Amino acid sequence: MNRRGKLVGKVNDKSKECVFVEKVLENNYTALMSAKYSGWYVGFTKKGRPRKGPRTQENQQDVHFMKRYPKGVPPDPQRPFRYTTVSKRTKRIRPANPS
């Protein structure tokens, strides 16, 4: 997250801008807060667009995430949760409108 609150993807960066603190909320959802900019959260709109950090709050539905284990892996309470990697998205081809 840059200084304007925009989510930015970087390949290998370990600065505080790329570190997020995981907060477990009362309703068992997880929120990711920026380590550098306290009070700024990672959030997405209903359309899937990222929200800017200064416009997010802990109680907003846009910043609530649920953890999900990968398919076929039984949950083990002794091991810490790890985020799964996702393959690169490909562009969707929209069907042509019949005229």
PDB file of N, CA and C in Angstrom:
ATOM      1  N   MET A   1       0.856  -1.167   0.000  1.00  0.00           N
ATOM      2  CA  MET A   1       0.000   0.000   0.000  1.00  0.00           C
ATOM      3  C   MET A   1       0.905   1.234   0.000  1.00  0.00           C
ATOM      4  N   ASN A   2       0.689   2.109  -0.960  1.00  0.00           N
ATOM      5  CA  ASN A   2       1.545   3.289  -1.036  1.00  0.00           C
ATOM      6  C   ASN A   2       1.026   4.401  -0.115  1.00  0.00           C
ATOM      7  N   ARG A   3       1.672   5.549  -0.138  1.00  0.00           N
ATOM      8  CA  ARG A   3       1.325   6.629   0.796  1.00  0.00           C
ATOM      9  C   ARG A   3      -0.031   7.250   0.526  1.00  0.00           C
ATOM     10  N   ARG A   4      -0.582   7.007  -0.669  1.00  0.00           N
ATOM     11  CA  ARG A   4      -1.922   7.518  -0.989  1.00  0.00           C
ATOM     12  C   ARG A   4      -3.017   6.508  -0.662  1.00  0.00           C
ATOM     13  N   GLY A   5      -2.621   5.326  -0.184  1.00  0.00           N
ATOM     14  CA  GLY A   5      -3.589   4.317   0.203  1.00  0.00           C
ATOM     15  C   GLY A   5      -3.965   3.355  -0.894  1.00  0.00           C
ATOM     16  N   LYS A   6      -3.251   3.397  -2.011  1.00  0.00           N
ATOM     17  CA  LYS A   6      -3.558   2.525  -3.140  1.00  0.00           C
ATOM     18  C   LYS A   6      -2.818   1.199  -2.983  1.00  0.00           C
ATOM     19  N   LEU A   7      -3.518   0.086  -3.243  1.00  0.00           N
ATOM     20  CA  LEU A   7      -2.870  -1.218  -3.195  1.00  0.00           C
ATOM     21  C   LEU A   7      -1.966  -1.380  -4.405  1.00  0.00           C
ATOM     22  N   VAL A   8      -0.721  -1.750  -4.151  1.00  0.00           N
ATOM     23  CA  VAL A   8       0.274  -1.890  -5.208  1.00  0.00           C
ATOM     24  C   VAL A   8       0.912  -3.262  -5.066  1.00  0.00           C
ATOM     25  N   GLY A   9       1.071  -3.977  -6.183  1.00  0.00           N
ATOM     26  CA  GLY A   9       1.714  -5.281  -6.163  1.00  0.00           C
ATOM     27  C   GLY A   9       3.191  -5.167  -6.484  1.00  0.00           C
ATOM     28  N   LYS A  10       4.032  -5.809  -5.674  1.00  0.00           N
ATOM     29  CA  LYS A  10       5.473  -5.820  -5.905  1.00  0.00           C
ATOM     30  C   LYS A  10       5.959  -7.256  -5.822  1.00  0.00           C
ATOM     31  N   VAL A  11       6.960  -7.589  -6.628  1.00  0.00           N
ATOM     32  CA  VAL A  11       7.439  -8.962  -6.696  1.00  0.00           C
ATOM     33  C   VAL A  11       8.149  -9.360  -5.404  1.00  0.00           C
ATOM     34  N   ASN A  12       9.234  -8.720  -5.076  1.00  0.00           N
ATOM     35  CA  ASN A  12       9.994  -9.042  -3.869  1.00  0.00           C
ATOM     36  C   ASN A  12      10.309  -7.760  -3.119  1.00  0.00           C
ATOM     37  N   ASP A  13       9.471  -7.427  -2.179  1.00  0.00           N
ATOM     38  CA  ASP A  13       9.704  -6.223  -1.390  1.00  0.00           C
ATOM     39  C   ASP A  13       9.320  -6.527   0.045  1.00  0.00           C
ATOM     40  N   LYS A  14      10.211  -6.207   0.966  1.00  0.00           N
ATOM     41  CA  LYS A  14       9.962  -6.504   2.370  1.00  0.00           C
ATOM     42  C   LYS A  14       9.887  -5.233   3.205  1.00  0.00           C
ATOM     43  N   SER A  15       9.543  -4.124   2.568  1.00  0.00           N
ATOM     44  CA  SER A  15       9.419  -2.875   3.310  1.00  0.00           C
ATOM     45  C   SER A  15       8.114  -2.883   4.097  1.00  0.00           C
ATOM     46  N   LYS A  16       7.956  -1.919   4.986  1.00  0.00           N
ATOM     47  CA  LYS A  16       6.747  -1.851   5.807  1.00  0.00           C
ATOM     48  C   LYS A  16       5.501  -1.583   4.979  1.00  0.00           C
ATOM     49  N   GLU A  17       5.671  -1.029   3.777  1.00  0.00           N
ATOM     50  CA  GLU A  17       4.513  -0.784   2.920  1.00  0.00           C
ATOM     51  C   GLU A  17       3.905  -2.092   2.430  1.00  0.00           C
ATOM     52  N   CYS A  18       4.691  -3.164   2.415  1.00  0.00           N
ATOM     53  CA  CYS A  18       4.220  -4.455   1.908  1.00  0.00           C
ATOM     54  C   CYS A  18       3.845  -5.431   3.020  1.00  0.00           C
ATOM     55  N   VAL A  19       3.886  -4.981   4.266  1.00  0.00           N
ATOM     56  CA  VAL A  19       3.570  -5.846   5.399  1.00  0.00           C
ATOM     57  C   VAL A  19       2.210  -5.449   5.963  1.00  0.00           C
ATOM     58  N   PHE A  20       1.379  -6.473   6.247  1.00  0.00           N
ATOM     59  CA  PHE A  20       0.055  -6.229   6.800  1.00  0.00           C
ATOM     60  C   PHE A  20      -0.116  -7.018   8.087  1.00  0.00           C
ATOM     61  N   VAL A  21      -0.818  -6.428   9.038  1.00  0.00           N
ATOM     62  CA  VAL A  21      -1.086  -7.054  10.319  1.00  0.00           C
ATOM     63  C   VAL A  21      -2.461  -7.702  10.240  1.00  0.00           C
ATOM     64  N   GLU A  22      -2.534  -8.957  10.631  1.00  0.00           N
ATOM     65  CA  GLU A  22      -3.795  -9.691  10.593  1.00  0.00           C
ATOM     66  C   GLU A  22      -4.535  -9.478  11.912  1.00  0.00           C
ATOM     67  N   LYS A  23      -5.767  -8.996  11.824  1.00  0.00           N
ATOM     68  CA  LYS A  23      -6.587  -8.785  13.016  1.00  0.00           C
ATOM     69  C   LYS A  23      -7.810  -9.687  12.931  1.00  0.00           C
ATOM     70  N   VAL A  24      -8.028 -10.500  13.972  1.00  0.00           N
ATOM     71  CA  VAL A  24      -9.226 -11.329  14.036  1.00  0.00           C
ATOM     72  C   VAL A  24     -10.286 -10.512  14.760  1.00  0.00           C
ATOM     73  N   LEU A  25     -11.403 -10.283  14.091  1.00  0.00           N
ATOM     74  CA  LEU A  25     -12.459  -9.435  14.623  1.00  0.00           C
ATOM     75  C   LEU A  25     -13.430 -10.241  15.481  1.00  0.00           C
ATOM     76  N   GLU A  26     -14.336  -9.537  16.168  1.00  0.00           N
ATOM     77  CA  GLU A  26     -15.296 -10.181  17.064  1.00  0.00           C
ATOM     78  C   GLU A  26     -16.196 -11.167  16.334  1.00  0.00           C
ATOM     79  N   ASN A  27     -16.510 -10.886  15.084  1.00  0.00           N
ATOM     80  CA  ASN A  27     -17.418 -11.734  14.320  1.00  0.00           C
ATOM     81  C   ASN A  27     -16.684 -12.860  13.587  1.00  0.00           C
ATOM     82  N   ASN A  28     -15.454 -13.155  14.005  1.00  0.00           N
ATOM     83  CA  ASN A  28     -14.602 -14.216  13.446  1.00  0.00           C
ATOM     84  C   ASN A  28     -14.159 -13.959  12.014  1.00  0.00           C
ATOM     85  N   TYR A  29     -14.277 -12.750  11.539  1.00  0.00           N
ATOM     86  CA  TYR A  29     -13.710 -12.382  10.250  1.00  0.00           C
ATOM     87  C   TYR A  29     -12.285 -11.895  10.485  1.00  0.00           C
ATOM     88  N   THR A  30     -11.518 -11.812   9.413  1.00  0.00           N
ATOM     89  CA  THR A  30     -10.142 -11.343   9.484  1.00  0.00           C
ATOM     90  C   THR A  30     -10.015 -10.045   8.701  1.00  0.00           C
ATOM     91  N   ALA A  31      -9.306  -9.077   9.261  1.00  0.00           N
ATOM     92  CA  ALA A  31      -9.026  -7.819   8.572  1.00  0.00           C
ATOM     93  C   ALA A  31      -7.513  -7.667   8.481  1.00  0.00           C
ATOM     94  N   LEU A  32      -7.038  -7.147   7.358  1.00  0.00           N
ATOM     95  CA  LEU A  32      -5.606  -6.930   7.156  1.00  0.00           C
ATOM     96  C   LEU A  32      -5.318  -5.439   7.218  1.00  0.00           C
ATOM     97  N   MET A  33      -4.558  -5.020   8.242  1.00  0.00           N
ATOM     98  CA  MET A  33      -4.235  -3.613   8.447  1.00  0.00           C
ATOM     99  C   MET A  33      -2.789  -3.359   8.035  1.00  0.00           C
ATOM    100  N   SER A  34      -2.538  -2.221   7.432  1.00  0.00           N
ATOM    101  CA  SER A  34      -1.197  -1.857   7.004  1.00  0.00           C
ATOM    102  C   SER A  34      -0.294  -1.662   8.217  1.00  0.00           C
ATOM    103  N   ALA A  35       0.934  -2.206   8.148  1.00  0.00           N
ATOM    104  CA  ALA A  35       1.882  -2.052   9.248  1.00  0.00           C
ATOM    105  C   ALA A  35       2.444  -0.635   9.289  1.00  0.00           C
ATOM    106  N   LYS A  36       2.578  -0.008   8.148  1.00  0.00           N
ATOM    107  CA  LYS A  36       3.151   1.335   8.094  1.00  0.00           C
ATOM    108  C   LYS A  36       2.114   2.408   8.395  1.00  0.00           C
ATOM    109  N   TYR A  37       0.927   2.250   7.843  1.00  0.00           N
ATOM    110  CA  TYR A  37      -0.131   3.250   8.012  1.00  0.00           C
ATOM    111  C   TYR A  37      -1.218   2.670   8.912  1.00  0.00           C
ATOM    112  N   SER A  38      -1.122   2.930  10.185  1.00  0.00           N
ATOM    113  CA  SER A  38      -2.064   2.382  11.154  1.00  0.00           C
ATOM    114  C   SER A  38      -3.479   2.889  10.879  1.00  0.00           C
ATOM    115  N   GLY A  39      -4.433   1.975  10.896  1.00  0.00           N
ATOM    116  CA  GLY A  39      -5.822   2.335  10.659  1.00  0.00           C
ATOM    117  C   GLY A  39      -6.259   2.194   9.211  1.00  0.00           C
ATOM    118  N   TRP A  40      -5.323   1.872   8.315  1.00  0.00           N
ATOM    119  CA  TRP A  40      -5.663   1.655   6.903  1.00  0.00           C
ATOM    120  C   TRP A  40      -5.771   0.153   6.674  1.00  0.00           C
ATOM    121  N   TYR A  41      -6.870  -0.265   6.063  1.00  0.00           N
ATOM    122  CA  TYR A  41      -7.144  -1.683   5.868  1.00  0.00           C
ATOM    123  C   TYR A  41      -7.206  -2.036   4.386  1.00  0.00           C
ATOM    124  N   VAL A  42      -6.967  -3.318   4.092  1.00  0.00           N
ATOM    125  CA  VAL A  42      -7.144  -3.834   2.736  1.00  0.00           C
ATOM    126  C   VAL A  42      -8.626  -4.120   2.569  1.00  0.00           C
ATOM    127  N   GLY A  43      -9.225  -3.564   1.522  1.00  0.00           N
ATOM    128  CA  GLY A  43     -10.645  -3.781   1.287  1.00  0.00           C
ATOM    129  C   GLY A  43     -10.970  -3.757  -0.190  1.00  0.00           C
ATOM    130  N   PHE A  44     -12.051  -4.446  -0.537  1.00  0.00           N
ATOM    131  CA  PHE A  44     -12.499  -4.512  -1.926  1.00  0.00           C
ATOM    132  C   PHE A  44     -13.985  -4.197  -1.997  1.00  0.00           C
ATOM    133  N   THR A  45     -14.393  -3.525  -3.071  1.00  0.00           N
ATOM    134  CA  THR A  45     -15.801  -3.206  -3.267  1.00  0.00           C
ATOM    135  C   THR A  45     -16.545  -4.455  -3.736  1.00  0.00           C
ATOM    136  N   LYS A  46     -17.860  -4.336  -3.871  1.00  0.00           N
ATOM    137  CA  LYS A  46     -18.662  -5.464  -4.347  1.00  0.00           C
ATOM    138  C   LYS A  46     -18.288  -5.861  -5.768  1.00  0.00           C
ATOM    139  N   LYS A  47     -17.768  -4.916  -6.533  1.00  0.00           N
ATOM    140  CA  LYS A  47     -17.341  -5.200  -7.903  1.00  0.00           C
ATOM    141  C   LYS A  47     -15.931  -5.788  -7.963  1.00  0.00           C
ATOM    142  N   GLY A  48     -15.242  -5.869  -6.827  1.00  0.00           N
ATOM    143  CA  GLY A  48     -13.905  -6.445  -6.790  1.00  0.00           C
ATOM    144  C   GLY A  48     -12.785  -5.446  -6.940  1.00  0.00           C
ATOM    145  N   ARG A  49     -13.110  -4.178  -6.951  1.00  0.00           N
ATOM    146  CA  ARG A  49     -12.074  -3.152  -7.074  1.00  0.00           C
ATOM    147  C   ARG A  49     -11.506  -2.834  -5.691  1.00  0.00           C
ATOM    148  N   PRO A  50     -10.197  -2.591  -5.600  1.00  0.00           N
ATOM    149  CA  PRO A  50      -9.613  -2.267  -4.293  1.00  0.00           C
ATOM    150  C   PRO A  50     -10.043  -0.893  -3.806  1.00  0.00           C
ATOM    151  N   ARG A  51     -10.235  -0.784  -2.482  1.00  0.00           N
ATOM    152  CA  ARG A  51     -10.567   0.502  -1.876  1.00  0.00           C
ATOM    153  C   ARG A  51      -9.293   1.126  -1.342  1.00  0.00           C
ATOM    154  N   LYS A  52      -9.226   2.440  -1.352  1.00  0.00           N
ATOM    155  CA  LYS A  52      -8.048   3.137  -0.834  1.00  0.00           C
ATOM    156  C   LYS A  52      -8.021   3.039   0.689  1.00  0.00           C
ATOM    157  N   GLY A  53      -6.813   2.942   1.234  1.00  0.00           N
ATOM    158  CA  GLY A  53      -6.618   2.765   2.666  1.00  0.00           C
ATOM    159  C   GLY A  53      -7.301   3.777   3.558  1.00  0.00           C
ATOM    160  N   PRO A  54      -7.191   5.095   3.280  1.00  0.00           N
ATOM    161  CA  PRO A  54      -7.807   6.071   4.175  1.00  0.00           C
ATOM    162  C   PRO A  54      -9.337   6.014   4.175  1.00  0.00           C
ATOM    163  N   ARG A  55      -9.922   5.365   3.180  1.00  0.00           N
ATOM    164  CA  ARG A  55     -11.383   5.282   3.093  1.00  0.00           C
ATOM    165  C   ARG A  55     -11.938   4.005   3.721  1.00  0.00           C
ATOM    166  N   THR A  56     -11.100   3.241   4.402  1.00  0.00           N
ATOM    167  CA  THR A  56     -11.548   1.992   5.011  1.00  0.00           C
ATOM    168  C   THR A  56     -11.546   2.099   6.528  1.00  0.00           C
ATOM    169  N   GLN A  57     -12.434   1.318   7.138  1.00  0.00           N
ATOM    170  CA  GLN A  57     -12.506   1.218   8.592  1.00  0.00           C
ATOM    171  C   GLN A  57     -12.695  -0.244   8.962  1.00  0.00           C
ATOM    172  N   GLU A  58     -12.352  -0.573  10.189  1.00  0.00           N
ATOM    173  CA  GLU A  58     -12.406  -1.956  10.651  1.00  0.00           C
ATOM    174  C   GLU A  58     -13.817  -2.542  10.603  1.00  0.00           C
ATOM    175  N   ASN A  59     -14.824  -1.722  10.824  1.00  0.00           N
ATOM    176  CA  ASN A  59     -16.195  -2.232  10.910  1.00  0.00           C
ATOM    177  C   ASN A  59     -16.896  -2.335   9.556  1.00  0.00           C
ATOM    178  N   GLN A  60     -16.244  -1.966   8.472  1.00  0.00           N
ATOM    179  CA  GLN A  60     -16.869  -2.023   7.151  1.00  0.00           C
ATOM    180  C   GLN A  60     -16.818  -3.443   6.595  1.00  0.00           C
ATOM    181  N   GLN A  61     -17.869  -3.817   5.892  1.00  0.00           N
ATOM    182  CA  GLN A  61     -17.963  -5.149   5.320  1.00  0.00           C
ATOM    183  C   GLN A  61     -16.914  -5.367   4.227  1.00  0.00           C
ATOM    184  N   ASP A  62     -16.450  -4.306   3.612  1.00  0.00           N
ATOM    185  CA  ASP A  62     -15.463  -4.410   2.528  1.00  0.00           C
ATOM    186  C   ASP A  62     -14.107  -4.928   2.998  1.00  0.00           C
ATOM    187  N   VAL A  63     -13.806  -4.837   4.279  1.00  0.00           N
ATOM    188  CA  VAL A  63     -12.496  -5.255   4.783  1.00  0.00           C
ATOM    189  C   VAL A  63     -12.556  -6.589   5.523  1.00  0.00           C
ATOM    190  N   HIS A  64     -13.717  -7.233   5.585  1.00  0.00           N
ATOM    191  CA  HIS A  64     -13.863  -8.506   6.289  1.00  0.00           C
ATOM    192  C   HIS A  64     -13.550  -9.662   5.346  1.00  0.00           C
ATOM    193  N   PHE A  65     -12.626 -10.510   5.751  1.00  0.00           N
ATOM    194  CA  PHE A  65     -12.233 -11.675   4.964  1.00  0.00           C
ATOM    195  C   PHE A  65     -12.397 -12.928   5.810  1.00  0.00           C
ATOM    196  N   MET A  66     -12.628 -14.059   5.142  1.00  0.00           N
ATOM    197  CA  MET A  66     -12.696 -15.355   5.822  1.00  0.00           C
ATOM    198  C   MET A  66     -11.561 -16.222   5.311  1.00  0.00           C
ATOM    199  N   LYS A  67     -10.936 -16.946   6.216  1.00  0.00           N
ATOM    200  CA  LYS A  67      -9.875 -17.865   5.822  1.00  0.00           C
ATOM    201  C   LYS A  67     -10.506 -19.148   5.309  1.00  0.00           C
ATOM    202  N   ARG A  68      -9.878 -19.706   4.286  1.00  0.00           N
ATOM    203  CA  ARG A  68     -10.381 -20.948   3.714  1.00  0.00           C
ATOM    204  C   ARG A  68      -9.190 -21.845   3.414  1.00  0.00           C
ATOM    205  N   TYR A  69      -9.285 -23.082   3.843  1.00  0.00           N
ATOM    206  CA  TYR A  69      -8.209 -24.031   3.588  1.00  0.00           C
ATOM    207  C   TYR A  69      -8.262 -24.507   2.144  1.00  0.00           C
ATOM    208  N   PRO A  70      -7.125 -24.883   1.568  1.00  0.00           N
ATOM    209  CA  PRO A  70      -7.126 -25.416   0.203  1.00  0.00           C
ATOM    210  C   PRO A  70      -7.923 -26.717   0.134  1.00  0.00           C
ATOM    211  N   LYS A  71      -8.436 -27.034  -1.049  1.00  0.00           N
ATOM    212  CA  LYS A  71      -9.228 -28.249  -1.228  1.00  0.00           C
ATOM    213  C   LYS A  71      -8.380 -29.481  -0.939  1.00  0.00           C
ATOM    214  N   GLY A  72      -8.974 -30.433  -0.232  1.00  0.00           N
ATOM    215  CA  GLY A  72      -8.306 -31.696   0.045  1.00  0.00           C
ATOM    216  C   GLY A  72      -7.350 -31.672   1.216  1.00  0.00           C
ATOM    217  N   VAL A  73      -7.167 -30.540   1.853  1.00  0.00           N
ATOM    218  CA  VAL A  73      -6.254 -30.444   2.991  1.00  0.00           C
ATOM    219  C   VAL A  73      -7.084 -30.327   4.263  1.00  0.00           C
ATOM    220  N   PRO A  74      -7.037 -31.343   5.141  1.00  0.00           N
ATOM    221  CA  PRO A  74      -7.807 -31.234   6.384  1.00  0.00           C
ATOM    222  C   PRO A  74      -7.165 -30.209   7.314  1.00  0.00           C
ATOM    223  N   PRO A  75      -7.968 -29.450   8.047  1.00  0.00           N
ATOM    224  CA  PRO A  75      -7.399 -28.448   8.958  1.00  0.00           C
ATOM    225  C   PRO A  75      -6.662 -29.110  10.116  1.00  0.00           C
ATOM    226  N   ASP A  76      -5.494 -28.601  10.434  1.00  0.00           N
ATOM    227  CA  ASP A  76      -4.691 -29.087  11.549  1.00  0.00           C
ATOM    228  C   ASP A  76      -4.556 -27.943  12.547  1.00  0.00           C
ATOM    229  N   PRO A  77      -5.148 -28.073  13.735  1.00  0.00           N
ATOM    230  CA  PRO A  77      -5.118 -26.953  14.689  1.00  0.00           C
ATOM    231  C   PRO A  77      -3.724 -26.618  15.216  1.00  0.00           C
ATOM    232  N   GLN A  78      -2.755 -27.547  15.079  1.00  0.00           N
ATOM    233  CA  GLN A  78      -1.410 -27.304  15.584  1.00  0.00           C
ATOM    234  C   GLN A  78      -0.564 -26.455  14.641  1.00  0.00           C
ATOM    235  N   ARG A  79      -0.894 -26.467  13.340  1.00  0.00           N
ATOM    236  CA  ARG A  79      -0.110 -25.713  12.361  1.00  0.00           C
ATOM    237  C   ARG A  79      -0.729 -24.343  12.142  1.00  0.00           C
ATOM    238  N   PRO A  80       0.090 -23.313  11.993  1.00  0.00           N
ATOM    239  CA  PRO A  80      -0.470 -21.984  11.703  1.00  0.00           C
ATOM    240  C   PRO A  80      -1.047 -21.937  10.296  1.00  0.00           C
ATOM    241  N   PHE A  81      -1.995 -21.046  10.106  1.00  0.00           N
ATOM    242  CA  PHE A  81      -2.639 -20.913   8.800  1.00  0.00           C
ATOM    243  C   PHE A  81      -1.676 -20.278   7.816  1.00  0.00           C
ATOM    244  N   ARG A  82      -1.663 -20.779   6.585  1.00  0.00           N
ATOM    245  CA  ARG A  82      -0.835 -20.206   5.527  1.00  0.00           C
ATOM    246  C   ARG A  82      -1.731 -19.859   4.356  1.00  0.00           C
ATOM    247  N   TYR A  83      -1.454 -18.729   3.752  1.00  0.00           N
ATOM    248  CA  TYR A  83      -2.226 -18.319   2.584  1.00  0.00           C
ATOM    249  C   TYR A  83      -1.802 -19.150   1.381  1.00  0.00           C
ATOM    250  N   THR A  84      -2.760 -19.491   0.553  1.00  0.00           N
ATOM    251  CA  THR A  84      -2.454 -20.280  -0.630  1.00  0.00           C
ATOM    252  C   THR A  84      -2.083 -19.362  -1.783  1.00  0.00           C
ATOM    253  N   THR A  85      -1.266 -19.871  -2.678  1.00  0.00           N
ATOM    254  CA  THR A  85      -0.889 -19.091  -3.848  1.00  0.00           C
ATOM    255  C   THR A  85      -1.898 -19.338  -4.959  1.00  0.00           C
ATOM    256  N   VAL A  86      -2.078 -18.357  -5.783  1.00  0.00           N
ATOM    257  CA  VAL A  86      -3.035 -18.443  -6.879  1.00  0.00           C
ATOM    258  C   VAL A  86      -2.276 -18.250  -8.174  1.00  0.00           C
ATOM    259  N   SER A  87      -2.644 -19.031  -9.177  1.00  0.00           N
ATOM    260  CA  SER A  87      -1.981 -18.884 -10.465  1.00  0.00           C
ATOM    261  C   SER A  87      -2.388 -17.566 -11.105  1.00  0.00           C
ATOM    262  N   LYS A  88      -1.601 -17.140 -12.068  1.00  0.00           N
ATOM    263  CA  LYS A  88      -1.840 -15.863 -12.732  1.00  0.00           C
ATOM    264  C   LYS A  88      -3.162 -15.900 -13.494  1.00  0.00           C
ATOM    265  N   ARG A  89      -3.952 -14.845 -13.348  1.00  0.00           N
ATOM    266  CA  ARG A  89      -5.235 -14.773 -14.041  1.00  0.00           C
ATOM    267  C   ARG A  89      -5.025 -14.499 -15.517  1.00  0.00           C
ATOM    268  N   THR A  90      -5.887 -15.068 -16.307  1.00  0.00           N
ATOM    269  CA  THR A  90      -5.858 -14.784 -17.733  1.00  0.00           C
ATOM    270  C   THR A  90      -7.018 -13.866 -18.062  1.00  0.00           C
ATOM    271  N   LYS A  91      -6.877 -13.132 -19.142  1.00  0.00           N
ATOM    272  CA  LYS A  91      -7.942 -12.216 -19.534  1.00  0.00           C
ATOM    273  C   LYS A  91      -9.145 -13.008 -20.026  1.00  0.00           C
ATOM    274  N   ARG A  92     -10.307 -12.565 -19.617  1.00  0.00           N
ATOM    275  CA  ARG A  92     -11.536 -13.204 -20.070  1.00  0.00           C
ATOM    276  C   ARG A  92     -11.903 -12.675 -21.447  1.00  0.00           C
ATOM    277  N   ILE A  93     -12.376 -13.552 -22.274  1.00  0.00           N
ATOM    278  CA  ILE A  93     -12.827 -13.146 -23.599  1.00  0.00           C
ATOM    279  C   ILE A  93     -14.333 -12.990 -23.538  1.00  0.00           C
ATOM    280  N   ARG A  94     -14.795 -11.777 -23.771  1.00  0.00           N
ATOM    281  CA  ARG A  94     -16.229 -11.518 -23.734  1.00  0.00           C
ATOM    282  C   ARG A  94     -16.860 -11.940 -25.053  1.00  0.00           C
ATOM    283  N   PRO A  95     -18.047 -12.540 -24.977  1.00  0.00           N
ATOM    284  CA  PRO A  95     -18.712 -12.914 -26.226  1.00  0.00           C
ATOM    285  C   PRO A  95     -19.144 -11.669 -26.993  1.00  0.00           C
ATOM    286  N   ALA A  96     -19.080 -11.763 -28.298  1.00  0.00           N
ATOM    287  CA  ALA A  96     -19.464 -10.628 -29.143  1.00  0.00           C
ATOM    288  C   ALA A  96     -20.972 -10.428 -29.076  1.00  0.00           C
ATOM    289  N   ASN A  97     -21.396  -9.181 -29.009  1.00  0.00           N
ATOM    290  CA  ASN A  97     -22.822  -8.871 -28.986  1.00  0.00           C
ATOM    291  C   ASN A  97     -23.413  -9.068 -30.379  1.00  0.00           C
ATOM    292  N   PRO A  98     -24.489  -9.859 -30.474  1.00  0.00           N
ATOM    293  CA  PRO A  98     -25.116 -10.016 -31.796  1.00  0.00           C
ATOM    294  C   PRO A  98     -25.827  -8.731 -32.200  1.00  0.00           C
ATOM    295  N   SER A  99     -25.545  -8.246 -33.378  1.00  0.00           N
ATOM    296  CA  SER A  99     -26.147  -6.989 -33.836  1.00  0.00           C
ATOM    297  C   SER A  99     -27.264  -7.232 -34.811  1.00  0.00           C
TER     298      SER A  99
END
